[in-house]
């Protein structure tokens, strides 16, 4: 897995070297709190380099028992919409994994949806957010749905390049009666 990360970082550096490119990077710690109080941390990093209407996308996830890295083209068909198609490896006996992600933003509203399939099976995440200001603090409210965690409300605050979010109650759609929570911290240099 270290070789995958080194490869993705190298590709990101090469892709970002073009002066005309626009690159965004987000590094995040996301933590699930299950119904018994156990905290399961994960580390996420995503990057997109945009050259006009096309670009390059990378995504990396590392948790206690699972790792994944994908890379692929990014498309920007209209203002405020990004479509990413990626393929990569995961820590499974059948390591090939694919991902499709769509991000849409207009004004104060945004929506992200990613679906994946690979050796360990199907996974998804969807996040909707409406931004507003509270003084100098940027805030947001919406929802988060994630396989193996659940669906529920999501609240965020951000100041400068740092942000924090929480989904205080998420109802697991696959395990009846199970409620989880999530919280995270993001950094976007």
C-alpha atoms as a PDB file:
ATOM      1  CA  UNK A   1       0.000   0.000   0.000  1.00  0.00           C
ATOM      2  CA  UNK A   2       2.921   2.377   0.647  1.00  0.00           C
ATOM      3  CA  UNK A   3       3.908   2.036  -3.010  1.00  0.00           C
ATOM      4  CA  UNK A   4       0.385   3.040  -4.039  1.00  0.00           C
ATOM      5  CA  UNK A   5       0.534   6.157  -1.884  1.00  0.00           C
ATOM      6  CA  UNK A   6       3.988   7.100  -3.188  1.00  0.00           C
ATOM      7  CA  UNK A   7       2.764   6.620  -6.753  1.00  0.00           C
ATOM      8  CA  UNK A   8      -0.328   8.776  -6.204  1.00  0.00           C
ATOM      9  CA  UNK A   9       1.691  11.531  -4.536  1.00  0.00           C
ATOM     10  CA  UNK A  10       4.165  11.486  -7.444  1.00  0.00           C
ATOM     11  CA  UNK A  11       1.331  11.746  -9.968  1.00  0.00           C
ATOM     12  CA  UNK A  12      -0.192  14.609  -8.005  1.00  0.00           C
ATOM     13  CA  UNK A  13       3.104  16.520  -7.994  1.00  0.00           C
ATOM     14  CA  UNK A  14       3.555  16.024 -11.744  1.00  0.00           C
ATOM     15  CA  UNK A  15      -0.058  16.966 -12.501  1.00  0.00           C
ATOM     16  CA  UNK A  16       0.202  20.070 -10.309  1.00  0.00           C
ATOM     17  CA  UNK A  17       3.385  21.317 -11.980  1.00  0.00           C
ATOM     18  CA  UNK A  18       1.441  23.013 -14.801  1.00  0.00           C
ATOM     19  CA  UNK A  19       1.072  26.727 -14.004  1.00  0.00           C
ATOM     20  CA  UNK A  20      -2.358  26.819 -15.691  1.00  0.00           C
ATOM     21  CA  UNK A  21      -3.759  24.042 -13.514  1.00  0.00           C
ATOM     22  CA  UNK A  22      -6.039  24.589 -10.512  1.00  0.00           C
ATOM     23  CA  UNK A  23      -5.406  22.072  -7.732  1.00  0.00           C
ATOM     24  CA  UNK A  24      -7.533  21.418  -4.667  1.00  0.00           C
ATOM     25  CA  UNK A  25      -6.467  19.173  -1.805  1.00  0.00           C
ATOM     26  CA  UNK A  26      -8.436  18.130   1.272  1.00  0.00           C
ATOM     27  CA  UNK A  27      -7.019  16.065   4.121  1.00  0.00           C
ATOM     28  CA  UNK A  28      -9.511  14.723   6.638  1.00  0.00           C
ATOM     29  CA  UNK A  29      -9.810  12.644   9.771  1.00  0.00           C
ATOM     30  CA  UNK A  30     -13.212  10.984   9.959  1.00  0.00           C
ATOM     31  CA  UNK A  31     -14.300   9.010  12.967  1.00  0.00           C
ATOM     32  CA  UNK A  32     -17.228   6.633  13.434  1.00  0.00           C
ATOM     33  CA  UNK A  33     -18.637   6.144  16.927  1.00  0.00           C
ATOM     34  CA  UNK A  34     -20.680   2.959  16.967  1.00  0.00           C
ATOM     35  CA  UNK A  35     -23.712   2.265  19.137  1.00  0.00           C
ATOM     36  CA  UNK A  36     -21.448   0.737  21.816  1.00  0.00           C
ATOM     37  CA  UNK A  37     -19.172   3.803  21.991  1.00  0.00           C
ATOM     38  CA  UNK A  38     -16.204   2.384  20.043  1.00  0.00           C
ATOM     39  CA  UNK A  39     -14.387   5.006  17.934  1.00  0.00           C
ATOM     40  CA  UNK A  40     -13.046   3.874  14.542  1.00  0.00           C
ATOM     41  CA  UNK A  41     -10.823   6.549  12.974  1.00  0.00           C
ATOM     42  CA  UNK A  42     -10.077   6.864   9.260  1.00  0.00           C
ATOM     43  CA  UNK A  43      -7.771   9.181   7.348  1.00  0.00           C
ATOM     44  CA  UNK A  44      -8.927  10.514   3.953  1.00  0.00           C
ATOM     45  CA  UNK A  45      -7.116  12.605   1.358  1.00  0.00           C
ATOM     46  CA  UNK A  46      -8.588  13.807  -1.942  1.00  0.00           C
ATOM     47  CA  UNK A  47      -7.069  15.905  -4.666  1.00  0.00           C
ATOM     48  CA  UNK A  48      -8.287  17.255  -7.986  1.00  0.00           C
ATOM     49  CA  UNK A  49      -6.162  19.048 -10.558  1.00  0.00           C
ATOM     50  CA  UNK A  50      -8.213  20.909 -13.168  1.00  0.00           C
ATOM     51  CA  UNK A  51      -7.092  21.888 -16.677  1.00  0.00           C
ATOM     52  CA  UNK A  52     -10.107  23.640 -18.196  1.00  0.00           C
ATOM     53  CA  UNK A  53     -12.929  21.065 -18.484  1.00  0.00           C
ATOM     54  CA  UNK A  54     -10.815  17.987 -17.686  1.00  0.00           C
ATOM     55  CA  UNK A  55      -8.497  17.043 -14.883  1.00  0.00           C
ATOM     56  CA  UNK A  56      -6.974  14.423 -12.641  1.00  0.00           C
ATOM     57  CA  UNK A  57      -8.450  12.964  -9.432  1.00  0.00           C
ATOM     58  CA  UNK A  58      -6.917  10.990  -6.542  1.00  0.00           C
ATOM     59  CA  UNK A  59      -8.488   9.609  -3.367  1.00  0.00           C
ATOM     60  CA  UNK A  60      -6.878   7.755  -0.483  1.00  0.00           C
ATOM     61  CA  UNK A  61      -8.449   6.193   2.613  1.00  0.00           C
ATOM     62  CA  UNK A  62      -6.728   4.470   5.508  1.00  0.00           C
ATOM     63  CA  UNK A  63      -8.483   2.906   8.494  1.00  0.00           C
ATOM     64  CA  UNK A  64      -7.720   0.430  11.239  1.00  0.00           C
ATOM     65  CA  UNK A  65      -8.339  -2.625   9.065  1.00  0.00           C
ATOM     66  CA  UNK A  66      -8.698  -1.304   5.527  1.00  0.00           C
ATOM     67  CA  UNK A  67      -6.826   0.883   3.008  1.00  0.00           C
ATOM     68  CA  UNK A  68      -7.666   2.112  -0.466  1.00  0.00           C
ATOM     69  CA  UNK A  69      -6.200   4.377  -3.150  1.00  0.00           C
ATOM     70  CA  UNK A  70      -7.825   5.291  -6.498  1.00  0.00           C
ATOM     71  CA  UNK A  71      -6.843   7.594  -9.329  1.00  0.00           C
ATOM     72  CA  UNK A  72      -8.475   8.675 -12.581  1.00  0.00           C
ATOM     73  CA  UNK A  73      -9.765  11.431 -14.810  1.00  0.00           C
ATOM     74  CA  UNK A  74     -11.958  14.289 -13.614  1.00  0.00           C
ATOM     75  CA  UNK A  75     -14.517  15.961 -15.857  1.00  0.00           C
ATOM     76  CA  UNK A  76     -16.118  19.389 -15.411  1.00  0.00           C
ATOM     77  CA  UNK A  77     -19.046  19.374 -17.894  1.00  0.00           C
ATOM     78  CA  UNK A  78     -20.676  22.582 -16.597  1.00  0.00           C
ATOM     79  CA  UNK A  79     -19.852  25.201 -13.981  1.00  0.00           C
ATOM     80  CA  UNK A  80     -20.233  23.780 -10.472  1.00  0.00           C
ATOM     81  CA  UNK A  81     -20.238  20.092 -11.506  1.00  0.00           C
ATOM     82  CA  UNK A  82     -17.364  17.618 -11.229  1.00  0.00           C
ATOM     83  CA  UNK A  83     -17.504  13.949 -12.302  1.00  0.00           C
ATOM     84  CA  UNK A  84     -14.617  11.661 -11.276  1.00  0.00           C
ATOM     85  CA  UNK A  85     -14.036   8.124 -12.547  1.00  0.00           C
ATOM     86  CA  UNK A  86     -11.257   6.299 -10.739  1.00  0.00           C
ATOM     87  CA  UNK A  87      -9.704   2.875 -10.404  1.00  0.00           C
ATOM     88  CA  UNK A  88      -7.226   1.637  -7.849  1.00  0.00           C
ATOM     89  CA  UNK A  89      -6.361  -0.891  -5.194  1.00  0.00           C
ATOM     90  CA  UNK A  90      -7.717  -1.833  -1.795  1.00  0.00           C
ATOM     91  CA  UNK A  91      -6.477  -4.107   0.991  1.00  0.00           C
ATOM     92  CA  UNK A  92      -8.512  -7.164  -0.030  1.00  0.00           C
ATOM     93  CA  UNK A  93      -7.559 -10.530  -1.527  1.00  0.00           C
ATOM     94  CA  UNK A  94      -9.171  -9.200  -4.752  1.00  0.00           C
ATOM     95  CA  UNK A  95      -7.631  -5.708  -4.639  1.00  0.00           C
ATOM     96  CA  UNK A  96      -9.094  -4.022  -7.759  1.00  0.00           C
ATOM     97  CA  UNK A  97     -11.551  -1.226  -6.866  1.00  0.00           C
ATOM     98  CA  UNK A  98     -13.497   1.329  -8.932  1.00  0.00           C
ATOM     99  CA  UNK A  99     -15.137   4.600  -7.920  1.00  0.00           C
ATOM    100  CA  UNK A 100     -17.563   7.078  -9.490  1.00  0.00           C
ATOM    101  CA  UNK A 101     -17.964  10.418  -7.739  1.00  0.00           C
ATOM    102  CA  UNK A 102     -20.189  13.389  -8.579  1.00  0.00           C
ATOM    103  CA  UNK A 103     -19.851  16.772  -6.865  1.00  0.00           C
ATOM    104  CA  UNK A 104     -22.315  19.587  -7.554  1.00  0.00           C
ATOM    105  CA  UNK A 105     -22.351  23.070  -6.039  1.00  0.00           C
ATOM    106  CA  UNK A 106     -24.435  26.149  -6.683  1.00  0.00           C
ATOM    107  CA  UNK A 107     -24.515  29.186  -4.440  1.00  0.00           C
ATOM    108  CA  UNK A 108     -24.656  28.060  -0.820  1.00  0.00           C
ATOM    109  CA  UNK A 109     -25.658  24.480  -1.617  1.00  0.00           C
ATOM    110  CA  UNK A 110     -23.485  21.461  -2.388  1.00  0.00           C
ATOM    111  CA  UNK A 111     -23.903  17.726  -2.876  1.00  0.00           C
ATOM    112  CA  UNK A 112     -21.319  14.951  -3.086  1.00  0.00           C
ATOM    113  CA  UNK A 113     -22.040  11.333  -3.953  1.00  0.00           C
ATOM    114  CA  UNK A 114     -19.506   8.546  -4.399  1.00  0.00           C
ATOM    115  CA  UNK A 115     -20.160   4.887  -5.151  1.00  0.00           C
ATOM    116  CA  UNK A 116     -17.552   2.157  -5.246  1.00  0.00           C
ATOM    117  CA  UNK A 117     -17.271  -1.489  -6.050  1.00  0.00           C
ATOM    118  CA  UNK A 118     -14.365  -3.867  -5.691  1.00  0.00           C
ATOM    119  CA  UNK A 119     -13.062  -6.961  -3.962  1.00  0.00           C
ATOM    120  CA  UNK A 120     -14.601  -6.101  -0.605  1.00  0.00           C
ATOM    121  CA  UNK A 121     -17.970  -5.210  -2.133  1.00  0.00           C
ATOM    122  CA  UNK A 122     -20.190  -2.168  -2.626  1.00  0.00           C
ATOM    123  CA  UNK A 123     -19.827   1.105  -0.686  1.00  0.00           C
ATOM    124  CA  UNK A 124     -21.334   4.594  -0.914  1.00  0.00           C
ATOM    125  CA  UNK A 125     -21.273   8.023   0.695  1.00  0.00           C
ATOM    126  CA  UNK A 126     -23.535  11.023   0.040  1.00  0.00           C
ATOM    127  CA  UNK A 127     -23.287  14.448   1.675  1.00  0.00           C
ATOM    128  CA  UNK A 128     -25.624  17.401   1.177  1.00  0.00           C
ATOM    129  CA  UNK A 129     -24.834  20.802   2.690  1.00  0.00           C
ATOM    130  CA  UNK A 130     -26.234  24.328   2.886  1.00  0.00           C
ATOM    131  CA  UNK A 131     -23.627  26.953   3.930  1.00  0.00           C
ATOM    132  CA  UNK A 132     -24.304  30.087   5.968  1.00  0.00           C
ATOM    133  CA  UNK A 133     -22.232  32.510   8.047  1.00  0.00           C
ATOM    134  CA  UNK A 134     -22.305  33.028  11.789  1.00  0.00           C
ATOM    135  CA  UNK A 135     -20.119  36.120  12.197  1.00  0.00           C
ATOM    136  CA  UNK A 136     -16.680  35.241  10.797  1.00  0.00           C
ATOM    137  CA  UNK A 137     -17.365  31.509  11.129  1.00  0.00           C
ATOM    138  CA  UNK A 138     -18.650  29.654   8.091  1.00  0.00           C
ATOM    139  CA  UNK A 139     -21.268  27.088   9.095  1.00  0.00           C
ATOM    140  CA  UNK A 140     -23.333  24.481   7.305  1.00  0.00           C
ATOM    141  CA  UNK A 141     -26.200  22.070   7.840  1.00  0.00           C
ATOM    142  CA  UNK A 142     -27.336  19.109   5.797  1.00  0.00           C
ATOM    143  CA  UNK A 143     -27.169  15.328   5.815  1.00  0.00           C
ATOM    144  CA  UNK A 144     -24.683  12.466   5.513  1.00  0.00           C
ATOM    145  CA  UNK A 145     -25.389   8.906   4.352  1.00  0.00           C
ATOM    146  CA  UNK A 146     -22.632   6.298   4.391  1.00  0.00           C
ATOM    147  CA  UNK A 147     -22.714   2.526   4.067  1.00  0.00           C
ATOM    148  CA  UNK A 148     -21.847   0.723   7.310  1.00  0.00           C
ATOM    149  CA  UNK A 149     -22.590   3.898   9.311  1.00  0.00           C
ATOM    150  CA  UNK A 150     -26.077   5.154   8.440  1.00  0.00           C
ATOM    151  CA  UNK A 151     -27.956   8.299   7.475  1.00  0.00           C
ATOM    152  CA  UNK A 152     -28.545  11.390   9.569  1.00  0.00           C
ATOM    153  CA  UNK A 153     -28.147  15.161   9.966  1.00  0.00           C
ATOM    154  CA  UNK A 154     -24.732  16.787   9.480  1.00  0.00           C
ATOM    155  CA  UNK A 155     -23.467  20.111  10.865  1.00  0.00           C
ATOM    156  CA  UNK A 156     -20.181  21.846  10.080  1.00  0.00           C
ATOM    157  CA  UNK A 157     -18.106  24.896  10.943  1.00  0.00           C
ATOM    158  CA  UNK A 158     -15.039  26.236   9.164  1.00  0.00           C
ATOM    159  CA  UNK A 159     -12.590  29.045   9.713  1.00  0.00           C
ATOM    160  CA  UNK A 160      -9.850  29.638   7.199  1.00  0.00           C
ATOM    161  CA  UNK A 161      -8.420  26.332   6.009  1.00  0.00           C
ATOM    162  CA  UNK A 162      -9.690  24.269   8.959  1.00  0.00           C
ATOM    163  CA  UNK A 163     -13.109  22.741   9.369  1.00  0.00           C
ATOM    164  CA  UNK A 164     -14.977  20.407  11.692  1.00  0.00           C
ATOM    165  CA  UNK A 165     -18.205  18.490  11.228  1.00  0.00           C
ATOM    166  CA  UNK A 166     -20.465  16.147  13.152  1.00  0.00           C
ATOM    167  CA  UNK A 167     -23.320  13.786  12.365  1.00  0.00           C
ATOM    168  CA  UNK A 168     -24.610  13.270  15.908  1.00  0.00           C
ATOM    169  CA  UNK A 169     -27.177  10.551  15.142  1.00  0.00           C
ATOM    170  CA  UNK A 170     -27.012   8.273  12.084  1.00  0.00           C
ATOM    171  CA  UNK A 171     -29.556   5.494  11.663  1.00  0.00           C
ATOM    172  CA  UNK A 172     -27.946   2.367  10.182  1.00  0.00           C
ATOM    173  CA  UNK A 173     -30.071   1.326   7.200  1.00  0.00           C
ATOM    174  CA  UNK A 174     -28.708  -2.236   7.195  1.00  0.00           C
ATOM    175  CA  UNK A 175     -28.858  -3.063  10.920  1.00  0.00           C
ATOM    176  CA  UNK A 176     -32.276  -2.434  12.430  1.00  0.00           C
ATOM    177  CA  UNK A 177     -32.243  -0.356  15.618  1.00  0.00           C
ATOM    178  CA  UNK A 178     -28.535   0.561  15.393  1.00  0.00           C
ATOM    179  CA  UNK A 179     -27.547   4.227  15.725  1.00  0.00           C
ATOM    180  CA  UNK A 180     -24.021   5.515  15.110  1.00  0.00           C
ATOM    181  CA  UNK A 181     -22.349   8.928  15.053  1.00  0.00           C
ATOM    182  CA  UNK A 182     -19.522  10.481  13.054  1.00  0.00           C
ATOM    183  CA  UNK A 183     -17.263  13.486  13.479  1.00  0.00           C
ATOM    184  CA  UNK A 184     -14.344  14.814  11.498  1.00  0.00           C
ATOM    185  CA  UNK A 185     -11.740  17.492  11.023  1.00  0.00           C
ATOM    186  CA  UNK A 186     -10.691  18.780   7.586  1.00  0.00           C
ATOM    187  CA  UNK A 187      -7.750  20.812   6.282  1.00  0.00           C
ATOM    188  CA  UNK A 188      -7.742  22.342   2.798  1.00  0.00           C
ATOM    189  CA  UNK A 189      -4.463  24.188   2.106  1.00  0.00           C
END
